[in-house]
C-alpha atoms as a PDB file:
ATOM      1  CA  MET A   1       7.233 -13.919 -15.241  1.00  0.00           C
ATOM      2  CA  PRO A   2      10.737 -14.406 -13.746  1.00  0.00           C
ATOM      3  CA  GLN A   3      12.026 -12.039 -16.421  1.00  0.00           C
ATOM      4  CA  LEU A   4       9.532  -9.369 -15.347  1.00  0.00           C
ATOM      5  CA  ARG A   5      10.422  -9.784 -11.686  1.00  0.00           C
ATOM      6  CA  SER A   6      14.099  -9.283 -12.380  1.00  0.00           C
ATOM      7  CA  ALA A   7      13.365  -6.098 -14.305  1.00  0.00           C
ATOM      8  CA  ILE A   8      10.738  -4.580 -11.975  1.00  0.00           C
ATOM      9  CA  ASN A   9      11.055  -0.824 -11.607  1.00  0.00           C
ATOM     10  CA  PHE A  10       9.485  -0.228  -8.224  1.00  0.00           C
ATOM     11  CA  TRP A  11       9.717   3.542  -8.541  1.00  0.00           C
ATOM     12  CA  PHE A  12       7.688   3.315 -11.753  1.00  0.00           C
ATOM     13  CA  LEU A  13       5.078   1.086 -10.088  1.00  0.00           C
ATOM     14  CA  ALA A  14       4.886   3.273  -6.977  1.00  0.00           C
ATOM     15  CA  SER A  15       4.341   6.358  -9.119  1.00  0.00           C
ATOM     16  CA  LEU A  16       1.564   4.658 -11.059  1.00  0.00           C
ATOM     17  CA  ILE A  17      -0.193   3.409  -7.939  1.00  0.00           C
ATOM     18  CA  ILE A  18      -0.162   6.862  -6.362  1.00  0.00           C
ATOM     19  CA  LEU A  19      -1.302   8.550  -9.574  1.00  0.00           C
ATOM     20  CA  LEU A  20      -4.032   6.052 -10.463  1.00  0.00           C
ATOM     21  CA  SER A  21      -5.297   5.319  -6.950  1.00  0.00           C
ATOM     22  CA  PRO A  22      -9.061   4.963  -6.471  1.00  0.00           C
ATOM     23  CA  SER A  23      -9.193   8.121  -4.383  1.00  0.00           C
ATOM     24  CA  ASN A  24      -7.998   9.980  -7.476  1.00  0.00           C
ATOM     25  CA  LEU A  25     -10.434   8.030  -9.623  1.00  0.00           C
ATOM     26  CA  LEU A  26     -13.251   9.519  -7.573  1.00  0.00           C
ATOM     27  CA  ARG A  27     -12.087  13.058  -8.385  1.00  0.00           C
ATOM     28  CA  GLY A  28     -11.706  12.683 -12.143  1.00  0.00           C
ATOM     29  CA  ASP A  29     -12.761  10.484 -15.000  1.00  0.00           C
ATOM     30  CA  VAL A  30     -10.807   7.314 -15.724  1.00  0.00           C
ATOM     31  CA  ARG A  31      -9.880   8.218 -19.290  1.00  0.00           C
ATOM     32  CA  ARG A  32      -8.182  11.440 -18.201  1.00  0.00           C
ATOM     33  CA  LEU A  33      -6.075   9.632 -15.603  1.00  0.00           C
ATOM     34  CA  VAL A  34      -5.003   6.939 -18.045  1.00  0.00           C
ATOM     35  CA  GLU A  35      -4.109   9.547 -20.640  1.00  0.00           C
ATOM     36  CA  GLN A  36      -2.089  11.388 -18.018  1.00  0.00           C
ATOM     37  CA  ALA A  37      -0.120   8.218 -17.340  1.00  0.00           C
ATOM     38  CA  TRP A  38       0.232   7.591 -21.080  1.00  0.00           C
ATOM     39  CA  TRP A  39       1.663  10.988 -22.020  1.00  0.00           C
ATOM     40  CA  ASN A  40       3.653  11.770 -18.911  1.00  0.00           C
ATOM     41  CA  PRO A  41       7.321  10.907 -19.627  1.00  0.00           C
ATOM     42  CA  ARG A  42       7.662   9.701 -16.038  1.00  0.00           C
ATOM     43  CA  TYR A  43       5.372   6.772 -16.793  1.00  0.00           C
ATOM     44  CA  GLY A  44       5.452   6.143 -20.537  1.00  0.00           C
ATOM     45  CA  ALA A  45       3.018   4.167 -22.690  1.00  0.00           C
ATOM     46  CA  GLY A  46       1.601   0.764 -21.946  1.00  0.00           C
ATOM     47  CA  PHE A  47      -2.110   1.124 -21.153  1.00  0.00           C
ATOM     48  CA  ARG A  48      -4.276  -0.238 -23.962  1.00  0.00           C
ATOM     49  CA  TYR A  49      -7.738  -0.360 -22.393  1.00  0.00           C
ATOM     50  CA  LEU A  50      -9.757   1.632 -19.923  1.00  0.00           C
ATOM     51  CA  PRO A  51      -9.564   0.042 -16.480  1.00  0.00           C
ATOM     52  CA  HIS A  52     -12.289  -1.967 -14.811  1.00  0.00           C
ATOM     53  CA  VAL A  53     -13.456  -0.055 -11.728  1.00  0.00           C
ATOM     54  CA  SER A  54     -15.393  -2.215  -9.272  1.00  0.00           C
ATOM     55  CA  ARG A  55     -17.851  -0.452  -6.958  1.00  0.00           C
ATOM     56  CA  ASN A  56     -20.047  -1.641  -4.109  1.00  0.00           C
ATOM     57  CA  GLU A  57     -23.764  -0.993  -3.664  1.00  0.00           C
ATOM     58  CA  SER A  58     -23.016   2.475  -2.293  1.00  0.00           C
ATOM     59  CA  GLY A  59     -20.982   3.388  -5.375  1.00  0.00           C
ATOM     60  CA  ASN A  60     -17.629   3.355  -3.559  1.00  0.00           C
ATOM     61  CA  VAL A  61     -14.572   1.944  -5.337  1.00  0.00           C
ATOM     62  CA  ARG A  62     -13.547  -1.528  -4.159  1.00  0.00           C
ATOM     63  CA  TYR A  63     -10.624  -1.903  -6.550  1.00  0.00           C
ATOM     64  CA  ALA A  64      -9.453  -0.679  -9.957  1.00  0.00           C
ATOM     65  CA  LEU A  65      -7.925  -3.055 -12.514  1.00  0.00           C
ATOM     66  CA  PHE A  66      -5.624  -1.506 -15.114  1.00  0.00           C
ATOM     67  CA  TYR A  67      -4.477  -3.372 -18.234  1.00  0.00           C
ATOM     68  CA  HIS A  68      -0.826  -2.726 -19.099  1.00  0.00           C
ATOM     69  CA  ASP A  69       1.214  -4.302 -21.879  1.00  0.00           C
ATOM     70  CA  GLU A  70       3.453  -6.103 -19.384  1.00  0.00           C
ATOM     71  CA  PHE A  71       1.189  -6.767 -16.407  1.00  0.00           C
ATOM     72  CA  MET A  72      -2.248  -6.352 -14.854  1.00  0.00           C
ATOM     73  CA  LEU A  73      -2.277  -3.693 -12.132  1.00  0.00           C
ATOM     74  CA  VAL A  74      -4.823  -3.964  -9.301  1.00  0.00           C
ATOM     75  CA  ILE A  75      -5.080  -0.931  -7.018  1.00  0.00           C
ATOM     76  CA  PHE A  76      -7.088  -0.941  -3.792  1.00  0.00           C
ATOM     77  CA  PRO A  77      -8.486   2.243  -2.180  1.00  0.00           C
ATOM     78  CA  GLY A  78      -7.665   3.726   1.185  1.00  0.00           C
ATOM     79  CA  SER A  79     -10.282   4.304   3.854  1.00  0.00           C
ATOM     80  CA  ARG A  80     -13.050   6.836   3.697  1.00  0.00           C
ATOM     81  CA  MET A  81     -14.520   8.583   6.724  1.00  0.00           C
ATOM     82  CA  THR A  82     -17.604   6.383   6.804  1.00  0.00           C
ATOM     83  CA  SER A  83     -19.011   3.896   9.310  1.00  0.00           C
ATOM     84  CA  GLU A  84     -18.787   1.268   6.564  1.00  0.00           C
ATOM     85  CA  ASP A  85     -14.988   1.539   6.562  1.00  0.00           C
ATOM     86  CA  TRP A  86     -14.444   1.925  10.302  1.00  0.00           C
ATOM     87  CA  ALA A  87     -17.201   0.026  12.112  1.00  0.00           C
ATOM     88  CA  GLY A  88     -18.517  -3.512  12.044  1.00  0.00           C
ATOM     89  CA  GLU A  89     -16.827  -6.801  11.283  1.00  0.00           C
ATOM     90  CA  LYS A  90     -15.226  -5.495   8.072  1.00  0.00           C
ATOM     91  CA  GLY A  91     -14.047  -2.217   9.581  1.00  0.00           C
ATOM     92  CA  ASN A  92     -10.550  -0.954  10.288  1.00  0.00           C
ATOM     93  CA  PHE A  93     -11.179  -1.033  14.045  1.00  0.00           C
ATOM     94  CA  SER A  94     -11.769  -4.774  13.967  1.00  0.00           C
ATOM     95  CA  PHE A  95      -8.414  -5.930  15.345  1.00  0.00           C
ATOM     96  CA  GLU A  96      -9.474  -9.563  15.450  1.00  0.00           C
ATOM     97  CA  ARG A  97      -7.353 -12.046  13.527  1.00  0.00           C
ATOM     98  CA  VAL A  98      -8.668 -14.863  11.370  1.00  0.00           C
ATOM     99  CA  THR A  99      -6.703 -18.059  10.725  1.00  0.00           C
ATOM    100  CA  VAL A 100      -6.407 -18.904   7.034  1.00  0.00           C
ATOM    101  CA  PRO A 101      -4.798 -22.368   6.675  1.00  0.00           C
ATOM    102  CA  GLU A 102      -4.495 -22.007   2.880  1.00  0.00           C
ATOM    103  CA  ILE A 103      -2.003 -19.162   3.240  1.00  0.00           C
ATOM    104  CA  GLY A 104      -0.342 -20.468   6.390  1.00  0.00           C
ATOM    105  CA  GLY A 105      -1.072 -17.840   9.021  1.00  0.00           C
ATOM    106  CA  LYS A 106      -3.386 -15.295  10.593  1.00  0.00           C
ATOM    107  CA  VAL A 107      -4.511 -12.042   8.983  1.00  0.00           C
ATOM    108  CA  HIS A 108      -6.503  -8.969  10.025  1.00  0.00           C
ATOM    109  CA  GLU A 109     -10.142 -10.073   9.997  1.00  0.00           C
ATOM    110  CA  GLY A 110     -11.551  -6.782   8.723  1.00  0.00           C
ATOM    111  CA  PHE A 111      -9.126  -6.499   5.799  1.00  0.00           C
ATOM    112  CA  TRP A 112      -9.546 -10.189   4.950  1.00  0.00           C
ATOM    113  CA  LYS A 113     -13.341  -9.905   4.804  1.00  0.00           C
ATOM    114  CA  GLN A 114     -13.128  -6.788   2.655  1.00  0.00           C
ATOM    115  CA  VAL A 115     -11.030  -8.610   0.049  1.00  0.00           C
ATOM    116  CA  ASP A 116     -13.084 -11.781   0.354  1.00  0.00           C
ATOM    117  CA  SER A 117     -16.312  -9.864  -0.378  1.00  0.00           C
ATOM    118  CA  TYR A 118     -15.198  -9.185  -3.967  1.00  0.00           C
ATOM    119  CA  TRP A 119     -12.541 -11.840  -4.490  1.00  0.00           C
ATOM    120  CA  SER A 120     -14.591 -14.037  -6.842  1.00  0.00           C
ATOM    121  CA  GLU A 121     -15.199 -11.074  -9.170  1.00  0.00           C
ATOM    122  CA  LEU A 122     -11.547  -9.991  -9.127  1.00  0.00           C
ATOM    123  CA  ALA A 123     -10.260 -13.544  -9.651  1.00  0.00           C
ATOM    124  CA  ALA A 124     -12.572 -13.960 -12.661  1.00  0.00           C
ATOM    125  CA  LYS A 125     -11.251 -10.716 -14.169  1.00  0.00           C
ATOM    126  CA  LEU A 126      -7.643 -11.808 -13.684  1.00  0.00           C
ATOM    127  CA  ASP A 127      -8.395 -15.238 -15.171  1.00  0.00           C
ATOM    128  CA  GLN A 128      -9.404 -13.595 -18.441  1.00  0.00           C
ATOM    129  CA  TYR A 129      -5.660 -13.192 -19.108  1.00  0.00           C
ATOM    130  CA  PRO A 130      -4.199 -16.285 -17.397  1.00  0.00           C
ATOM    131  CA  ASN A 131      -0.602 -15.809 -18.546  1.00  0.00           C
ATOM    132  CA  VAL A 132      -0.213 -12.144 -17.592  1.00  0.00           C
ATOM    133  CA  PRO A 133       1.691 -11.287 -14.369  1.00  0.00           C
ATOM    134  CA  VAL A 134      -0.228  -9.361 -11.710  1.00  0.00           C
ATOM    135  CA  VAL A 135       0.951  -6.338  -9.720  1.00  0.00           C
ATOM    136  CA  VAL A 136      -1.058  -5.239  -6.672  1.00  0.00           C
ATOM    137  CA  GLY A 137      -0.826  -2.074  -4.615  1.00  0.00           C
ATOM    138  CA  GLY A 138      -2.696   0.465  -2.594  1.00  0.00           C
ATOM    139  CA  HIS A 139      -2.624   3.282  -0.084  1.00  0.00           C
ATOM    140  CA  SER A 140      -3.413   2.916   3.629  1.00  0.00           C
ATOM    141  CA  ARG A 141      -6.101   0.254   4.072  1.00  0.00           C
ATOM    142  CA  GLY A 142      -5.692  -0.469   0.362  1.00  0.00           C
ATOM    143  CA  GLY A 143      -2.088  -1.474   0.995  1.00  0.00           C
ATOM    144  CA  ALA A 144      -3.172  -4.082   3.534  1.00  0.00           C
ATOM    145  CA  CYS A 145      -5.826  -5.338   1.105  1.00  0.00           C
ATOM    146  CA  ALA A 146      -3.123  -5.554  -1.581  1.00  0.00           C
ATOM    147  CA  VAL A 147      -1.001  -7.814   0.626  1.00  0.00           C
ATOM    148  CA  ILE A 148      -3.966 -10.094   1.347  1.00  0.00           C
ATOM    149  CA  ALA A 149      -4.960 -10.151  -2.324  1.00  0.00           C
ATOM    150  CA  GLY A 150      -1.343 -10.938  -3.196  1.00  0.00           C
ATOM    151  CA  LEU A 151      -1.423 -13.946  -0.887  1.00  0.00           C
ATOM    152  CA  ARG A 152      -4.578 -15.207  -2.575  1.00  0.00           C
ATOM    153  CA  ILE A 153      -3.226 -14.583  -6.088  1.00  0.00           C
ATOM    154  CA  GLU A 154      -0.110 -16.518  -5.193  1.00  0.00           C
ATOM    155  CA  ARG A 155      -2.133 -19.391  -3.769  1.00  0.00           C
ATOM    156  CA  GLU A 156      -5.119 -19.573  -6.116  1.00  0.00           C
ATOM    157  CA  LEU A 157      -4.016 -18.086  -9.455  1.00  0.00           C
ATOM    158  CA  GLN A 158      -0.962 -20.121 -10.444  1.00  0.00           C
ATOM    159  CA  ASN A 159       1.556 -17.952  -8.596  1.00  0.00           C
ATOM    160  CA  ARG A 160       1.141 -15.021 -11.008  1.00  0.00           C
ATOM    161  CA  LEU A 161       2.050 -12.414  -8.403  1.00  0.00           C
ATOM    162  CA  ALA A 162       4.822 -10.246  -9.848  1.00  0.00           C
ATOM    163  CA  ALA A 163       5.041  -7.363  -7.349  1.00  0.00           C
ATOM    164  CA  VAL A 164       3.394  -5.737  -4.328  1.00  0.00           C
ATOM    165  CA  VAL A 165       3.782  -1.989  -3.711  1.00  0.00           C
ATOM    166  CA  THR A 166       2.045  -0.306  -0.774  1.00  0.00           C
ATOM    167  CA  VAL A 167       1.956   3.277   0.478  1.00  0.00           C
ATOM    168  CA  GLY A 168       1.365   4.124   4.144  1.00  0.00           C
ATOM    169  CA  GLN A 169       0.213   0.566   4.801  1.00  0.00           C
ATOM    170  CA  PRO A 170      -0.954  -0.663   8.249  1.00  0.00           C
ATOM    171  CA  LYS A 171       0.104  -4.088   9.503  1.00  0.00           C
ATOM    172  CA  CYS A 172      -2.171  -6.964   8.559  1.00  0.00           C
ATOM    173  CA  VAL A 173      -0.472 -10.346   9.186  1.00  0.00           C
ATOM    174  CA  ASN A 174       0.873 -12.271  12.183  1.00  0.00           C
ATOM    175  CA  PHE A 175       4.547 -13.009  12.823  1.00  0.00           C
ATOM    176  CA  LYS A 176       4.490 -16.456  11.161  1.00  0.00           C
ATOM    177  CA  LEU A 177       3.019 -15.123   7.945  1.00  0.00           C
ATOM    178  CA  ALA A 178       5.214 -12.005   7.975  1.00  0.00           C
ATOM    179  CA  THR A 179       8.276 -14.253   8.223  1.00  0.00           C
ATOM    180  CA  ARG A 180       7.168 -16.288   5.205  1.00  0.00           C
ATOM    181  CA  ILE A 181       6.381 -13.160   3.177  1.00  0.00           C
ATOM    182  CA  GLU A 182       9.792 -11.732   4.062  1.00  0.00           C
ATOM    183  CA  ARG A 183      11.438 -14.886   2.780  1.00  0.00           C
ATOM    184  CA  GLU A 184       9.358 -15.531  -0.341  1.00  0.00           C
ATOM    185  CA  TRP A 185       8.538 -11.969  -1.481  1.00  0.00           C
ATOM    186  CA  ALA A 186      11.970 -10.489  -0.783  1.00  0.00           C
ATOM    187  CA  ASP A 187      12.506  -9.234  -4.336  1.00  0.00           C
ATOM    188  CA  ARG A 188       8.934  -8.159  -5.129  1.00  0.00           C
ATOM    189  CA  TYR A 189       7.395  -6.369  -2.147  1.00  0.00           C
ATOM    190  CA  VAL A 190       8.075  -2.693  -1.345  1.00  0.00           C
ATOM    191  CA  ARG A 191       6.459  -0.644   1.427  1.00  0.00           C
ATOM    192  CA  ILE A 192       6.724   3.135   1.163  1.00  0.00           C
ATOM    193  CA  VAL A 193       6.593   4.843   4.560  1.00  0.00           C
ATOM    194  CA  SER A 194       6.799   8.429   5.784  1.00  0.00           C
ATOM    195  CA  SER A 195       8.307   9.476   9.103  1.00  0.00           C
ATOM    196  CA  THR A 196       5.236  11.664   9.734  1.00  0.00           C
ATOM    197  CA  ASP A 197       2.678   8.936   8.996  1.00  0.00           C
ATOM    198  CA  PRO A 198       1.386   7.012  12.056  1.00  0.00           C
ATOM    199  CA  ILE A 199      -0.687   4.462  10.122  1.00  0.00           C
ATOM    200  CA  PRO A 200       2.198   2.017   9.374  1.00  0.00           C
ATOM    201  CA  LEU A 201       2.736   1.726  13.142  1.00  0.00           C
ATOM    202  CA  VAL A 202      -0.625   0.043  13.741  1.00  0.00           C
ATOM    203  CA  PRO A 203      -2.024  -2.394  14.725  1.00  0.00           C
ATOM    204  CA  PRO A 204       0.717  -2.968  17.320  1.00  0.00           C
ATOM    205  CA  GLU A 205       2.982  -5.947  17.839  1.00  0.00           C
ATOM    206  CA  PRO A 206       2.807  -8.757  18.930  1.00  0.00           C
ATOM    207  CA  TRP A 207      -0.556  -9.109  17.191  1.00  0.00           C
ATOM    208  CA  TYR A 208       0.537  -7.860  13.770  1.00  0.00           C
ATOM    209  CA  TYR A 209       3.831  -7.439  11.901  1.00  0.00           C
ATOM    210  CA  HIS A 210       5.282  -5.920   8.741  1.00  0.00           C
ATOM    211  CA  ALA A 211       7.452  -7.483   6.037  1.00  0.00           C
ATOM    212  CA  GLY A 212       8.982  -6.432   2.737  1.00  0.00           C
ATOM    213  CA  THR A 213      11.581  -3.924   1.594  1.00  0.00           C
ATOM    214  CA  VAL A 214      11.002  -0.522   3.207  1.00  0.00           C
ATOM    215  CA  TRP A 215      11.514   2.848   1.545  1.00  0.00           C
ATOM    216  CA  PHE A 216      11.503   5.158   4.547  1.00  0.00           C
ATOM    217  CA  TYR A 217      11.214   8.873   3.751  1.00  0.00           C
ATOM    218  CA  ASP A 218      11.886  11.534   6.343  1.00  0.00           C
ATOM    219  CA  LYS A 219      10.292  14.972   6.333  1.00  0.00           C
ATOM    220  CA  ARG A 220      13.136  16.422   4.262  1.00  0.00           C
ATOM    221  CA  GLY A 221      12.469  13.965   1.443  1.00  0.00           C
ATOM    222  CA  VAL A 222      15.553  11.795   2.083  1.00  0.00           C
ATOM    223  CA  CYS A 223      14.903   8.095   1.526  1.00  0.00           C
ATOM    224  CA  ARG A 224      16.544   5.201   3.366  1.00  0.00           C
ATOM    225  CA  VAL A 225      16.081   1.634   2.157  1.00  0.00           C
ATOM    226  CA  ASN A 226      15.527  -0.844   4.994  1.00  0.00           C
ATOM    227  CA  PRO A 227      16.700   1.544   7.732  1.00  0.00           C
ATOM    228  CA  THR A 228      17.555   0.260  11.177  1.00  0.00           C
ATOM    229  CA  ALA A 229      15.064   0.579  14.029  1.00  0.00           C
ATOM    230  CA  LEU A 230      17.284   3.289  15.524  1.00  0.00           C
ATOM    231  CA  GLU A 231      17.274   5.327  12.287  1.00  0.00           C
ATOM    232  CA  ILE A 232      13.479   5.112  12.107  1.00  0.00           C
ATOM    233  CA  GLU A 233      13.095   6.123  15.751  1.00  0.00           C
ATOM    234  CA  GLU A 234      15.408   9.104  15.363  1.00  0.00           C
ATOM    235  CA  ALA A 235      13.604  10.326  12.222  1.00  0.00           C
ATOM    236  CA  ILE A 236      10.183  10.005  13.848  1.00  0.00           C
ATOM    237  CA  ARG A 237      11.343  11.849  16.948  1.00  0.00           C
ATOM    238  CA  ARG A 238      12.864  14.633  14.841  1.00  0.00           C
ATOM    239  CA  ASP A 239       9.979  15.009  12.389  1.00  0.00           C
ATOM    240  CA  ASN A 240       7.000  14.810  14.752  1.00  0.00           C
ATOM    241  CA  PRO A 241       6.245  17.295  17.529  1.00  0.00           C
ATOM    242  CA  ALA A 242       4.561  14.552  19.532  1.00  0.00           C
ATOM    243  CA  ALA A 243       7.566  12.224  19.056  1.00  0.00           C
ATOM    244  CA  MET A 244       5.390   9.296  18.002  1.00  0.00           C
ATOM    245  CA  ARG A 245       6.816   5.871  18.601  1.00  0.00           C
ATOM    246  CA  GLU A 246       5.719   2.329  18.024  1.00  0.00           C
ATOM    247  CA  HIS A 247       4.004   1.886  21.375  1.00  0.00           C
ATOM    248  CA  GLY A 248       2.968  -1.520  22.589  1.00  0.00           C
ATOM    249  CA  ASN A 249       0.383   0.214  24.761  1.00  0.00           C
ATOM    250  CA  LEU A 250      -2.645   1.229  22.690  1.00  0.00           C
ATOM    251  CA  ALA A 251      -3.671   4.015  25.099  1.00  0.00           C
ATOM    252  CA  LYS A 252      -0.247   5.669  24.864  1.00  0.00           C
ATOM    253  CA  TYR A 253      -0.208   5.278  21.105  1.00  0.00           C
ATOM    254  CA  ALA A 254      -3.682   6.802  20.774  1.00  0.00           C
ATOM    255  CA  LEU A 255      -2.592   9.766  22.916  1.00  0.00           C
ATOM    256  CA  ALA A 256       0.478  10.272  20.706  1.00  0.00           C
ATOM    257  CA  VAL A 257      -1.671  10.267  17.587  1.00  0.00           C
ATOM    258  CA  VAL A 258      -4.065  12.832  19.083  1.00  0.00           C
ATOM    259  CA  LYS A 259      -1.148  15.123  19.978  1.00  0.00           C
ATOM    260  CA  GLN A 260       0.220  14.761  16.521  1.00  0.00           C
ATOM    261  CA  GLY A 261      -2.964  16.220  15.037  1.00  0.00           C
ATOM    262  CA  TRP A 262      -2.798  17.721  11.595  1.00  0.00           C
ATOM    263  CA  THR A 263       0.816  16.722  11.032  1.00  0.00           C
ATOM    264  CA  SER A 264      -0.208  13.080  11.124  1.00  0.00           C
ATOM    265  CA  ILE A 265      -3.128  13.635   8.790  1.00  0.00           C
ATOM    266  CA  ALA A 266      -0.981  15.484   6.270  1.00  0.00           C
ATOM    267  CA  GLY A 267       1.765  12.857   6.524  1.00  0.00           C
ATOM    268  CA  HIS A 268      -0.635  10.114   5.468  1.00  0.00           C
ATOM    269  CA  LYS A 269      -2.112  11.810   2.408  1.00  0.00           C
ATOM    270  CA  LEU A 270      -1.384  10.499  -1.074  1.00  0.00           C
ATOM    271  CA  THR A 271      -0.412  13.990  -2.190  1.00  0.00           C
ATOM    272  CA  TYR A 272       2.333  14.033   0.450  1.00  0.00           C
ATOM    273  CA  TYR A 273       3.641  10.636  -0.657  1.00  0.00           C
ATOM    274  CA  TYR A 274       3.526  11.772  -4.275  1.00  0.00           C
ATOM    275  CA  GLU A 275       5.855  14.650  -3.403  1.00  0.00           C
ATOM    276  CA  LEU A 276       8.203  12.322  -1.538  1.00  0.00           C
ATOM    277  CA  VAL A 277       8.435   9.657  -4.252  1.00  0.00           C
ATOM    278  CA  HIS A 278       8.857  12.224  -7.037  1.00  0.00           C
ATOM    279  CA  GLY A 279      11.521  14.194  -5.224  1.00  0.00           C
ATOM    280  CA  ILE A 280       9.429  17.348  -4.982  1.00  0.00           C
ATOM    281  CA  ARG A 281      10.135  17.739  -1.278  1.00  0.00           C
ATOM    282  CA  ARG A 282      13.699  18.895  -0.667  1.00  0.00           C
ATOM    283  CA  ALA A 283      16.040  19.062   2.245  1.00  0.00           C
ATOM    284  CA  LYS A 284      16.200  22.265   4.273  1.00  0.00           C
ATOM    285  CA  ASN A 285      19.369  23.328   2.504  1.00  0.00           C
ATOM    286  CA  GLY A 286      17.587  23.057  -0.861  1.00  0.00           C
ATOM    287  CA  ALA A 287      19.424  19.923  -1.966  1.00  0.00           C
ATOM    288  CA  PRO A 288      17.363  17.012  -3.234  1.00  0.00           C
ATOM    289  CA  GLY A 289      17.241  13.822  -1.184  1.00  0.00           C
ATOM    290  CA  SER A 290      18.056  10.290  -2.349  1.00  0.00           C
ATOM    291  CA  TYR A 291      14.970   9.645  -4.437  1.00  0.00           C
ATOM    292  CA  LEU A 292      15.536   6.151  -5.861  1.00  0.00           C
ATOM    293  CA  GLN A 293      14.747   7.215  -9.402  1.00  0.00           C
END
């Protein structure tokens, strides 16, 4: 596994996670998506079996497990516009934190309970191939679930966690846990963020924090790796008509999101991130940005 970690191509993993995300699984059959990844020169070969797609009682995807020659890839879905995803103790609006001594910190209660509801099934699937490294990722809520699943894989499955890649991920851990993740996952955790996406700004500090290496894309498609707070603030102010910022006051933040309207919605979509990561979006002068390929 150390050899895999040293050779991880995060652009390759990010592309796969965006392409094979559960939201795309819902629009097309699994075989077609896997074949697309197989034949597309951007991704190359490596998938030998159809993935395991886990669904809840309502038929919604909980996670998708892909079998690659070099790793097992677990992708978690983003939120749907349903009361199941947004209300109740497992919902996104549950900002309560739960203390988990086994992983050494506090995590978002709603995201934790979502992962915990299917953890035994996922762990059993991963244990079928005990020596294979595991990569986890997801978009939006799925990114937060990927981080929590990564913590459990590291703790309970013989430290098989090879990489974590999230797209438009909200915060999900407290400062103590974020500090440990920053230290221990430094070379295997990438967060992809857009300057027009408000979701990575919530929930606010000091309740929740981010960690990991950041790929920050502005609206022109230019990517900065681990930009300074000032660079992020300037890009957000330039790219958003409502000049969204990371407000400590929830009322002010909510007002900024409302003003942002459709720009915010578009900036959070997987299709938008796909364009950013693949260099499809270009600067105003027509020149490509720095696309980390």
